[in-house]
Amino acid sequence: MNWIKKLFKRKTELEKLEDKYNSLIEQSYRLSWVNRTKSDELKFEANEVLTEMTRLERELYNKDRRKRSNS
């Protein structure tokens, strides 16, 4: 029954960004042995994703705080 819930559960925007970040970091590490320039580009892109994740987390936190203070 639990696998059914996982099957139909949609990922949040934050979860999607986490997956993208982890994938970019992994690719960057693999390429660091072969192509340092491309590895650095992927690290930079991963850092941009991390910044977006931080912004989204702050936004969600502030939204929750406002919601609680209004209640």
C-alpha atoms as a PDB file:
ATOM      1  CA  MET A   1       0.000   0.000   0.000  1.00  0.00           C
ATOM      2  CA  ASN A   2       2.879   2.366   0.783  1.00  0.00           C
ATOM      3  CA  TRP A   3       4.345   1.976  -2.703  1.00  0.00           C
ATOM      4  CA  ILE A   4       1.044   3.152  -4.160  1.00  0.00           C
ATOM      5  CA  LYS A   5       1.293   6.393  -2.207  1.00  0.00           C
ATOM      6  CA  LYS A   6       4.830   6.905  -3.479  1.00  0.00           C
ATOM      7  CA  LEU A   7       3.703   6.205  -7.014  1.00  0.00           C
ATOM      8  CA  PHE A   8       1.100   8.965  -7.010  1.00  0.00           C
ATOM      9  CA  LYS A   9       2.833  11.460  -4.738  1.00  0.00           C
ATOM     10  CA  ARG A  10       4.051  14.487  -6.633  1.00  0.00           C
ATOM     11  CA  LYS A  11       7.404  15.982  -5.824  1.00  0.00           C
ATOM     12  CA  THR A  12       7.506  19.467  -4.406  1.00  0.00           C
ATOM     13  CA  GLU A  13       9.532  22.151  -6.126  1.00  0.00           C
ATOM     14  CA  LEU A  14      12.133  21.867  -3.368  1.00  0.00           C
ATOM     15  CA  GLU A  15      12.459  18.102  -3.855  1.00  0.00           C
ATOM     16  CA  LYS A  16      12.916  18.594  -7.596  1.00  0.00           C
ATOM     17  CA  LEU A  17      15.654  21.151  -6.966  1.00  0.00           C
ATOM     18  CA  GLU A  18      17.373  18.817  -4.487  1.00  0.00           C
ATOM     19  CA  ASP A  19      17.395  16.037  -7.073  1.00  0.00           C
ATOM     20  CA  LYS A  20      18.793  18.383  -9.713  1.00  0.00           C
ATOM     21  CA  TYR A  21      21.477  19.653  -7.313  1.00  0.00           C
ATOM     22  CA  ASN A  22      22.563  16.133  -6.347  1.00  0.00           C
ATOM     23  CA  SER A  23      22.692  15.085  -9.987  1.00  0.00           C
ATOM     24  CA  LEU A  24      24.821  18.097 -10.965  1.00  0.00           C
ATOM     25  CA  ILE A  25      27.250  17.553  -8.097  1.00  0.00           C
ATOM     26  CA  GLU A  26      27.601  13.880  -9.000  1.00  0.00           C
ATOM     27  CA  GLN A  27      28.215  14.693 -12.679  1.00  0.00           C
ATOM     28  CA  SER A  28      30.697  17.381 -11.693  1.00  0.00           C
ATOM     29  CA  TYR A  29      32.649  14.932  -9.563  1.00  0.00           C
ATOM     30  CA  ARG A  30      32.782  12.351 -12.338  1.00  0.00           C
ATOM     31  CA  LEU A  31      33.945  14.918 -14.881  1.00  0.00           C
ATOM     32  CA  SER A  32      36.586  16.353 -12.560  1.00  0.00           C
ATOM     33  CA  TRP A  33      38.838  13.457 -13.547  1.00  0.00           C
ATOM     34  CA  VAL A  34      38.401  14.030 -17.277  1.00  0.00           C
ATOM     35  CA  ASN A  35      37.336  17.587 -18.071  1.00  0.00           C
ATOM     36  CA  ARG A  36      38.002  20.127 -15.335  1.00  0.00           C
ATOM     37  CA  THR A  37      36.412  23.025 -17.244  1.00  0.00           C
ATOM     38  CA  LYS A  38      33.102  21.207 -17.711  1.00  0.00           C
ATOM     39  CA  SER A  39      33.250  20.072 -14.078  1.00  0.00           C
ATOM     40  CA  ASP A  40      33.598  23.679 -12.939  1.00  0.00           C
ATOM     41  CA  GLU A  41      30.644  24.701 -15.113  1.00  0.00           C
ATOM     42  CA  LEU A  42      28.489  22.025 -13.511  1.00  0.00           C
ATOM     43  CA  LYS A  43      29.594  23.111 -10.029  1.00  0.00           C
ATOM     44  CA  PHE A  44      28.611  26.673 -10.864  1.00  0.00           C
ATOM     45  CA  GLU A  45      25.195  25.497 -12.104  1.00  0.00           C
ATOM     46  CA  ALA A  46      24.759  23.384  -8.960  1.00  0.00           C
ATOM     47  CA  ASN A  47      25.570  26.432  -6.860  1.00  0.00           C
ATOM     48  CA  GLU A  48      22.841  28.390  -8.670  1.00  0.00           C
ATOM     49  CA  VAL A  49      20.376  25.582  -7.910  1.00  0.00           C
ATOM     50  CA  LEU A  50      21.470  25.634  -4.270  1.00  0.00           C
ATOM     51  CA  THR A  51      20.840  29.389  -4.149  1.00  0.00           C
ATOM     52  CA  GLU A  52      17.359  28.837  -5.587  1.00  0.00           C
ATOM     53  CA  MET A  53      16.712  26.119  -2.990  1.00  0.00           C
ATOM     54  CA  THR A  54      17.725  28.495  -0.202  1.00  0.00           C
ATOM     55  CA  ARG A  55      15.453  31.214  -1.573  1.00  0.00           C
ATOM     56  CA  LEU A  56      12.534  28.805  -1.809  1.00  0.00           C
ATOM     57  CA  GLU A  57      13.112  27.504   1.738  1.00  0.00           C
ATOM     58  CA  ARG A  58      13.133  31.064   3.094  1.00  0.00           C
ATOM     59  CA  GLU A  59       9.982  31.872   1.164  1.00  0.00           C
ATOM     60  CA  LEU A  60       8.194  28.813   2.538  1.00  0.00           C
ATOM     61  CA  TYR A  61       9.435  29.554   6.061  1.00  0.00           C
ATOM     62  CA  ASN A  62       8.244  33.150   5.924  1.00  0.00           C
ATOM     63  CA  LYS A  63       4.894  32.119   4.473  1.00  0.00           C
ATOM     64  CA  ASP A  64       4.439  29.638   7.331  1.00  0.00           C
ATOM     65  CA  ARG A  65       5.418  32.248   9.938  1.00  0.00           C
ATOM     66  CA  ARG A  66       2.901  34.754   8.558  1.00  0.00           C
ATOM     67  CA  LYS A  67       0.230  32.103   8.495  1.00  0.00           C
ATOM     68  CA  ARG A  68       0.860  31.203  12.139  1.00  0.00           C
ATOM     69  CA  SER A  69       0.983  34.808  13.311  1.00  0.00           C
ATOM     70  CA  ASN A  70      -2.357  35.556  11.653  1.00  0.00           C
ATOM     71  CA  SER A  71      -4.057  32.568  13.274  1.00  0.00           C
END
